[in-house]
Full PDB file with SEQRES, HELIX, SHEET, SSBOND, CRYST1, ORIGX, SCALE, CONECT and MASTER records, all heavy atoms in Angstrom:
SEQRES   1 A   30  PHE SER ALA LYS CYS GLY LEU ARG ALA PRO ASP ARG THR          
SEQRES   2 A   30  ALA VAL LEU LEU GLY CYS LEU ARG VAL GLU GLY LEU GLY          
SEQRES   3 A   30  PRO LEU VAL ASP                                              
HELIX    1 AA1 PRO A   10  LEU A   20  1                                  11    
HELIX    2 AA2 GLU A   23  LEU A   25  5                                   3    
HELIX    3 AA3 GLY A   26  VAL A   29  1                                   4    
CRYST1    1.000    1.000    1.000  90.00  90.00  90.00 P 1           1          
ORIGX1      1.000000  0.000000  0.000000        0.00000                         
ORIGX2      0.000000  1.000000  0.000000        0.00000                         
ORIGX3      0.000000  0.000000  1.000000        0.00000                         
SCALE1      1.000000  0.000000  0.000000        0.00000                         
SCALE2      0.000000  1.000000  0.000000        0.00000                         
SCALE3      0.000000  0.000000  1.000000        0.00000                         
ATOM      1  N   PHE A   1      89.151  77.660 117.776  1.00  0.00           N  
ATOM      2  CA  PHE A   1      89.506  77.081 119.076  1.00  0.00           C  
ATOM      3  C   PHE A   1      90.464  75.920 118.852  1.00  0.00           C  
ATOM      4  O   PHE A   1      90.123  74.936 118.193  1.00  0.00           O  
ATOM      5  CB  PHE A   1      88.236  76.604 119.789  1.00  0.00           C  
ATOM      6  CG  PHE A   1      88.442  76.175 121.213  1.00  0.00           C  
ATOM      7  CD1 PHE A   1      88.410  77.118 122.237  1.00  0.00           C  
ATOM      8  CD2 PHE A   1      88.674  74.846 121.533  1.00  0.00           C  
ATOM      9  CE1 PHE A   1      88.587  76.727 123.561  1.00  0.00           C  
ATOM     10  CE2 PHE A   1      88.848  74.451 122.847  1.00  0.00           C  
ATOM     11  CZ  PHE A   1      88.814  75.397 123.868  1.00  0.00           C  
ATOM     12  N   SER A   2      91.677  76.036 119.401  1.00  0.00           N  
ATOM     13  CA  SER A   2      92.716  75.027 119.200  1.00  0.00           C  
ATOM     14  C   SER A   2      92.796  74.082 120.381  1.00  0.00           C  
ATOM     15  O   SER A   2      92.682  74.500 121.540  1.00  0.00           O  
ATOM     16  CB  SER A   2      94.080  75.702 118.999  1.00  0.00           C  
ATOM     17  OG  SER A   2      94.070  76.542 117.861  1.00  0.00           O  
ATOM     18  N   ALA A   3      93.032  72.795 120.078  1.00  0.00           N  
ATOM     19  CA  ALA A   3      93.112  71.784 121.131  1.00  0.00           C  
ATOM     20  C   ALA A   3      93.993  70.632 120.679  1.00  0.00           C  
ATOM     21  O   ALA A   3      94.153  70.376 119.486  1.00  0.00           O  
ATOM     22  CB  ALA A   3      91.716  71.267 121.477  1.00  0.00           C  
ATOM     23  N   LYS A   4      94.554  69.939 121.656  1.00  0.00           N  
ATOM     24  CA  LYS A   4      95.157  68.632 121.461  1.00  0.00           C  
ATOM     25  C   LYS A   4      94.134  67.603 121.933  1.00  0.00           C  
ATOM     26  O   LYS A   4      93.543  67.761 123.002  1.00  0.00           O  
ATOM     27  CB  LYS A   4      96.443  68.480 122.261  1.00  0.00           C  
ATOM     28  CG  LYS A   4      97.528  69.510 121.930  1.00  0.00           C  
ATOM     29  CD  LYS A   4      98.182  69.228 120.593  1.00  0.00           C  
ATOM     30  CE  LYS A   4      99.343  70.173 120.331  1.00  0.00           C  
ATOM     31  NZ  LYS A   4      99.968  69.912 119.005  1.00  0.00           N  
ATOM     32  N   CYS A   5      93.954  66.531 121.161  1.00  0.00           N  
ATOM     33  CA  CYS A   5      92.852  65.624 121.478  1.00  0.00           C  
ATOM     34  C   CYS A   5      93.133  64.223 120.961  1.00  0.00           C  
ATOM     35  O   CYS A   5      93.158  64.002 119.745  1.00  0.00           O  
ATOM     36  CB  CYS A   5      91.566  66.161 120.861  1.00  0.00           C  
ATOM     37  SG  CYS A   5      90.156  65.066 121.012  1.00  0.00           S  
ATOM     38  N   GLY A   6      93.341  63.269 121.847  1.00  0.00           N  
ATOM     39  CA  GLY A   6      93.468  61.878 121.461  1.00  0.00           C  
ATOM     40  C   GLY A   6      94.792  61.549 120.792  1.00  0.00           C  
ATOM     41  O   GLY A   6      95.402  62.380 120.119  1.00  0.00           O  
ATOM     42  N   LEU A   7      95.239  60.316 120.944  1.00  0.00           N  
ATOM     43  CA  LEU A   7      96.508  59.888 120.391  1.00  0.00           C  
ATOM     44  C   LEU A   7      96.399  59.630 118.884  1.00  0.00           C  
ATOM     45  O   LEU A   7      95.487  58.939 118.429  1.00  0.00           O  
ATOM     46  CB  LEU A   7      96.981  58.618 121.107  1.00  0.00           C  
ATOM     47  CG  LEU A   7      97.377  58.822 122.575  1.00  0.00           C  
ATOM     48  CD1 LEU A   7      97.431  57.487 123.298  1.00  0.00           C  
ATOM     49  CD2 LEU A   7      98.716  59.529 122.678  1.00  0.00           C  
ATOM     50  N   ARG A   8      97.329  60.202 118.150  1.00  0.00           N  
ATOM     51  CA  ARG A   8      97.395  60.046 116.693  1.00  0.00           C  
ATOM     52  C   ARG A   8      97.907  58.643 116.346  1.00  0.00           C  
ATOM     53  O   ARG A   8      98.591  58.000 117.138  1.00  0.00           O  
ATOM     54  CB  ARG A   8      98.331  61.106 116.133  1.00  0.00           C  
ATOM     55  CG  ARG A   8      98.376  61.211 114.624  1.00  0.00           C  
ATOM     56  CD  ARG A   8      99.503  62.104 114.131  1.00  0.00           C  
ATOM     57  NE  ARG A   8      99.482  63.443 114.700  1.00  0.00           N  
ATOM     58  CZ  ARG A   8     100.335  63.868 115.621  1.00  0.00           C  
ATOM     59  NH1 ARG A   8     101.289  63.064 116.081  1.00  0.00           N  
ATOM     60  NH2 ARG A   8     100.264  65.097 116.083  1.00  0.00           N  
ATOM     61  N   ALA A   9      97.585  58.167 115.152  1.00  0.00           N  
ATOM     62  CA  ALA A   9      98.093  56.881 114.677  1.00  0.00           C  
ATOM     63  C   ALA A   9      99.619  56.864 114.806  1.00  0.00           C  
ATOM     64  O   ALA A   9     100.290  57.827 114.412  1.00  0.00           O  
ATOM     65  CB  ALA A   9      97.671  56.650 113.229  1.00  0.00           C  
ATOM     66  N   PRO A  10     100.203  55.795 115.357  1.00  0.00           N  
ATOM     67  CA  PRO A  10     101.631  55.805 115.679  1.00  0.00           C  
ATOM     68  C   PRO A  10     102.544  55.969 114.466  1.00  0.00           C  
ATOM     69  O   PRO A  10     103.602  56.591 114.576  1.00  0.00           O  
ATOM     70  CB  PRO A  10     101.847  54.456 116.376  1.00  0.00           C  
ATOM     71  CG  PRO A  10     100.710  53.600 115.939  1.00  0.00           C  
ATOM     72  CD  PRO A  10      99.559  54.536 115.761  1.00  0.00           C  
ATOM     73  N   ASP A  11     102.173  55.425 113.328  1.00  0.00           N  
ATOM     74  CA  ASP A  11     103.039  55.557 112.158  1.00  0.00           C  
ATOM     75  C   ASP A  11     103.185  57.011 111.721  1.00  0.00           C  
ATOM     76  O   ASP A  11     104.272  57.453 111.336  1.00  0.00           O  
ATOM     77  CB  ASP A  11     102.497  54.710 110.997  1.00  0.00           C  
ATOM     78  CG  ASP A  11     102.612  53.215 111.269  1.00  0.00           C  
ATOM     79  OD1 ASP A  11     103.515  52.826 112.038  1.00  0.00           O  
ATOM     80  OD2 ASP A  11     101.796  52.460 110.728  1.00  0.00           O  
ATOM     81  N   ARG A  12     102.079  57.755 111.787  1.00  0.00           N  
ATOM     82  CA  ARG A  12     102.154  59.176 111.411  1.00  0.00           C  
ATOM     83  C   ARG A  12     103.002  59.958 112.405  1.00  0.00           C  
ATOM     84  O   ARG A  12     103.779  60.840 112.021  1.00  0.00           O  
ATOM     85  CB  ARG A  12     100.746  59.787 111.334  1.00  0.00           C  
ATOM     86  CG  ARG A  12     100.042  59.496 110.002  1.00  0.00           C  
ATOM     87  CD  ARG A  12      98.710  60.181 109.876  1.00  0.00           C  
ATOM     88  NE  ARG A  12      98.725  61.600 110.206  1.00  0.00           N  
ATOM     89  CZ  ARG A  12      99.184  62.568 109.424  1.00  0.00           C  
ATOM     90  NH1 ARG A  12      99.753  62.265 108.258  1.00  0.00           N  
ATOM     91  NH2 ARG A  12      99.098  63.835 109.805  1.00  0.00           N  
ATOM     92  N   THR A  13     102.866  59.647 113.681  1.00  0.00           N  
ATOM     93  CA  THR A  13     103.669  60.347 114.674  1.00  0.00           C  
ATOM     94  C   THR A  13     105.144  59.990 114.518  1.00  0.00           C  
ATOM     95  O   THR A  13     106.022  60.852 114.708  1.00  0.00           O  
ATOM     96  CB  THR A  13     103.181  60.002 116.090  1.00  0.00           C  
ATOM     97  OG1 THR A  13     101.823  60.439 116.219  1.00  0.00           O  
ATOM     98  CG2 THR A  13     104.023  60.696 117.143  1.00  0.00           C  
ATOM     99  N   ALA A  14     105.439  58.738 114.175  1.00  0.00           N  
ATOM    100  CA  ALA A  14     106.833  58.347 113.939  1.00  0.00           C  
ATOM    101  C   ALA A  14     107.443  59.164 112.807  1.00  0.00           C  
ATOM    102  O   ALA A  14     108.619  59.560 112.872  1.00  0.00           O  
ATOM    103  CB  ALA A  14     106.909  56.848 113.631  1.00  0.00           C  
ATOM    104  N   VAL A  15     106.659  59.447 111.775  1.00  0.00           N  
ATOM    105  CA  VAL A  15     107.147  60.276 110.666  1.00  0.00           C  
ATOM    106  C   VAL A  15     107.466  61.687 111.164  1.00  0.00           C  
ATOM    107  O   VAL A  15     108.537  62.249 110.867  1.00  0.00           O  
ATOM    108  CB  VAL A  15     106.107  60.318 109.530  1.00  0.00           C  
ATOM    109  CG1 VAL A  15     106.490  61.378 108.493  1.00  0.00           C  
ATOM    110  CG2 VAL A  15     105.989  58.953 108.868  1.00  0.00           C  
ATOM    111  N   LEU A  16     106.550  62.266 111.921  1.00  0.00           N  
ATOM    112  CA  LEU A  16     106.767  63.615 112.442  1.00  0.00           C  
ATOM    113  C   LEU A  16     108.023  63.679 113.301  1.00  0.00           C  
ATOM    114  O   LEU A  16     108.889  64.542 113.097  1.00  0.00           O  
ATOM    115  CB  LEU A  16     105.548  64.053 113.257  1.00  0.00           C  
ATOM    116  CG  LEU A  16     105.714  65.319 114.113  1.00  0.00           C  
ATOM    117  CD1 LEU A  16     106.032  66.527 113.254  1.00  0.00           C  
ATOM    118  CD2 LEU A  16     104.461  65.573 114.956  1.00  0.00           C  
ATOM    119  N   LEU A  17     108.146  62.781 114.263  1.00  0.00           N  
ATOM    120  CA  LEU A  17     109.285  62.825 115.170  1.00  0.00           C  
ATOM    121  C   LEU A  17     110.589  62.505 114.450  1.00  0.00           C  
ATOM    122  O   LEU A  17     111.639  63.077 114.766  1.00  0.00           O  
ATOM    123  CB  LEU A  17     109.074  61.858 116.328  1.00  0.00           C  
ATOM    124  CG  LEU A  17     107.844  62.121 117.226  1.00  0.00           C  
ATOM    125  CD1 LEU A  17     107.835  61.165 118.406  1.00  0.00           C  
ATOM    126  CD2 LEU A  17     107.809  63.562 117.707  1.00  0.00           C  
ATOM    127  N   GLY A  18     110.522  61.614 113.468  1.00  0.00           N  
ATOM    128  CA  GLY A  18     111.726  61.300 112.706  1.00  0.00           C  
ATOM    129  C   GLY A  18     112.243  62.488 111.929  1.00  0.00           C  
ATOM    130  O   GLY A  18     113.464  62.679 111.799  1.00  0.00           O  
ATOM    131  N   CYS A  19     111.346  63.313 111.431  1.00  0.00           N  
ATOM    132  CA  CYS A  19     111.751  64.498 110.668  1.00  0.00           C  
ATOM    133  C   CYS A  19     112.456  65.533 111.541  1.00  0.00           C  
ATOM    134  O   CYS A  19     113.186  66.391 111.026  1.00  0.00           O  
ATOM    135  CB  CYS A  19     110.541  65.132 109.989  1.00  0.00           C  
ATOM    136  SG  CYS A  19     109.871  64.170 108.613  1.00  0.00           S  
ATOM    137  N   LEU A  20     112.251  65.481 112.845  1.00  0.00           N  
ATOM    138  CA  LEU A  20     112.917  66.433 113.732  1.00  0.00           C  
ATOM    139  C   LEU A  20     114.408  66.136 113.887  1.00  0.00           C  
ATOM    140  O   LEU A  20     115.182  67.020 114.263  1.00  0.00           O  
ATOM    141  CB  LEU A  20     112.250  66.424 115.114  1.00  0.00           C  
ATOM    142  CG  LEU A  20     110.803  66.924 115.173  1.00  0.00           C  
ATOM    143  CD1 LEU A  20     110.268  66.821 116.594  1.00  0.00           C  
ATOM    144  CD2 LEU A  20     110.688  68.353 114.668  1.00  0.00           C  
ATOM    145  N   ARG A  21     114.788  64.884 113.619  1.00  0.00           N  
ATOM    146  CA  ARG A  21     116.202  64.473 113.686  1.00  0.00           C  
ATOM    147  C   ARG A  21     116.837  64.805 115.042  1.00  0.00           C  
ATOM    148  O   ARG A  21     117.937  65.349 115.124  1.00  0.00           O  
ATOM    149  CB  ARG A  21     117.002  65.110 112.542  1.00  0.00           C  
ATOM    150  CG  ARG A  21     116.499  64.732 111.165  1.00  0.00           C  
ATOM    151  CD  ARG A  21     117.388  65.247 110.049  1.00  0.00           C  
ATOM    152  NE  ARG A  21     116.855  64.906 108.749  1.00  0.00           N  
ATOM    153  CZ  ARG A  21     117.010  63.730 108.133  1.00  0.00           C  
ATOM    154  NH1 ARG A  21     117.692  62.773 108.737  1.00  0.00           N  
ATOM    155  NH2 ARG A  21     116.486  63.503 106.945  1.00  0.00           N  
ATOM    156  N   VAL A  22     116.091  64.487 116.091  1.00  0.00           N  
ATOM    157  CA  VAL A  22     116.589  64.646 117.451  1.00  0.00           C  
ATOM    158  C   VAL A  22     117.046  63.268 117.936  1.00  0.00           C  
ATOM    159  O   VAL A  22     116.239  62.330 118.016  1.00  0.00           O  
ATOM    160  CB  VAL A  22     115.502  65.217 118.375  1.00  0.00           C  
ATOM    161  CG1 VAL A  22     115.964  65.196 119.825  1.00  0.00           C  
ATOM    162  CG2 VAL A  22     115.142  66.641 117.947  1.00  0.00           C  
ATOM    163  N   GLU A  23     118.325  63.161 118.260  1.00  0.00           N  
ATOM    164  CA  GLU A  23     118.869  61.859 118.635  1.00  0.00           C  
ATOM    165  C   GLU A  23     118.128  61.245 119.817  1.00  0.00           C  
ATOM    166  O   GLU A  23     117.866  60.036 119.850  1.00  0.00           O  
ATOM    167  CB  GLU A  23     120.353  62.004 118.972  1.00  0.00           C  
ATOM    168  CG  GLU A  23     121.034  60.676 119.300  1.00  0.00           C  
ATOM    169  CD  GLU A  23     122.521  60.842 119.555  1.00  0.00           C  
ATOM    170  OE1 GLU A  23     123.037  61.966 119.366  1.00  0.00           O  
ATOM    171  OE2 GLU A  23     123.157  59.845 119.952  1.00  0.00           O  
ATOM    172  N   GLY A  24     117.752  62.076 120.780  1.00  0.00           N  
ATOM    173  CA  GLY A  24     117.086  61.555 121.961  1.00  0.00           C  
ATOM    174  C   GLY A  24     115.714  60.971 121.694  1.00  0.00           C  
ATOM    175  O   GLY A  24     115.169  60.244 122.529  1.00  0.00           O  
ATOM    176  N   LEU A  25     115.126  61.281 120.532  1.00  0.00           N  
ATOM    177  CA  LEU A  25     113.817  60.733 120.178  1.00  0.00           C  
ATOM    178  C   LEU A  25     113.914  59.361 119.516  1.00  0.00           C  
ATOM    179  O   LEU A  25     112.884  58.731 119.253  1.00  0.00           O  
ATOM    180  CB  LEU A  25     113.079  61.686 119.227  1.00  0.00           C  
ATOM    181  CG  LEU A  25     112.551  62.993 119.816  1.00  0.00           C  
ATOM    182  CD1 LEU A  25     111.948  63.855 118.720  1.00  0.00           C  
ATOM    183  CD2 LEU A  25     111.522  62.723 120.911  1.00  0.00           C  
ATOM    184  N   GLY A  26     115.140  58.897 119.252  1.00  0.00           N  
ATOM    185  CA  GLY A  26     115.310  57.628 118.544  1.00  0.00           C  
ATOM    186  C   GLY A  26     114.557  56.467 119.161  1.00  0.00           C  
ATOM    187  O   GLY A  26     113.806  55.762 118.465  1.00  0.00           O  
ATOM    188  N   PRO A  27     114.696  56.212 120.483  1.00  0.00           N  
ATOM    189  CA  PRO A  27     113.950  55.098 121.084  1.00  0.00           C  
ATOM    190  C   PRO A  27     112.440  55.262 120.963  1.00  0.00           C  
ATOM    191  O   PRO A  27     111.716  54.277 120.798  1.00  0.00           O  
ATOM    192  CB  PRO A  27     114.398  55.137 122.552  1.00  0.00           C  
ATOM    193  CG  PRO A  27     115.722  55.824 122.536  1.00  0.00           C  
ATOM    194  CD  PRO A  27     115.625  56.837 121.443  1.00  0.00           C  
ATOM    195  N   LEU A  28     111.961  56.509 121.038  1.00  0.00           N  
ATOM    196  CA  LEU A  28     110.529  56.761 120.928  1.00  0.00           C  
ATOM    197  C   LEU A  28     110.041  56.451 119.513  1.00  0.00           C  
ATOM    198  O   LEU A  28     108.983  55.828 119.324  1.00  0.00           O  
ATOM    199  CB  LEU A  28     110.230  58.216 121.293  1.00  0.00           C  
ATOM    200  CG  LEU A  28     108.764  58.630 121.398  1.00  0.00           C  
ATOM    201  CD1 LEU A  28     108.032  57.783 122.434  1.00  0.00           C  
ATOM    202  CD2 LEU A  28     108.650  60.113 121.748  1.00  0.00           C  
ATOM    203  N   VAL A  29     110.793  56.865 118.515  1.00  0.00           N  
ATOM    204  CA  VAL A  29     110.434  56.574 117.124  1.00  0.00           C  
ATOM    205  C   VAL A  29     110.426  55.066 116.891  1.00  0.00           C  
ATOM    206  O   VAL A  29     109.551  54.523 116.196  1.00  0.00           O  
ATOM    207  CB  VAL A  29     111.400  57.279 116.161  1.00  0.00           C  
ATOM    208  CG1 VAL A  29     111.134  56.844 114.711  1.00  0.00           C  
ATOM    209  CG2 VAL A  29     111.260  58.798 116.276  1.00  0.00           C  
ATOM    210  N   ASP A  30     111.383  54.359 117.481  1.00  0.00           N  
ATOM    211  CA  ASP A  30     111.438  52.905 117.320  1.00  0.00           C  
ATOM    212  C   ASP A  30     110.184  52.247 117.894  1.00  0.00           C  
ATOM    213  O   ASP A  30     109.630  51.304 117.294  1.00  0.00           O  
ATOM    214  CB  ASP A  30     112.681  52.349 118.019  1.00  0.00           C  
ATOM    215  CG  ASP A  30     113.976  52.710 117.304  1.00  0.00           C  
ATOM    216  OD1 ASP A  30     113.902  53.100 116.112  1.00  0.00           O  
ATOM    217  OD2 ASP A  30     115.040  52.623 117.942  1.00  0.00           O  
TER     218      ASP A  30                                                      
MASTER        0    0    0    3    0    0    0    6  217    1    0    3          
END                                                                             
């Protein structure tokens, strides 16, 4: 059973989003 649940630690999420190299995500990563 798959689910999304609770906010992940911000530093780990910043790593994930940074690896996507999407320019529009820059402010979010910051």
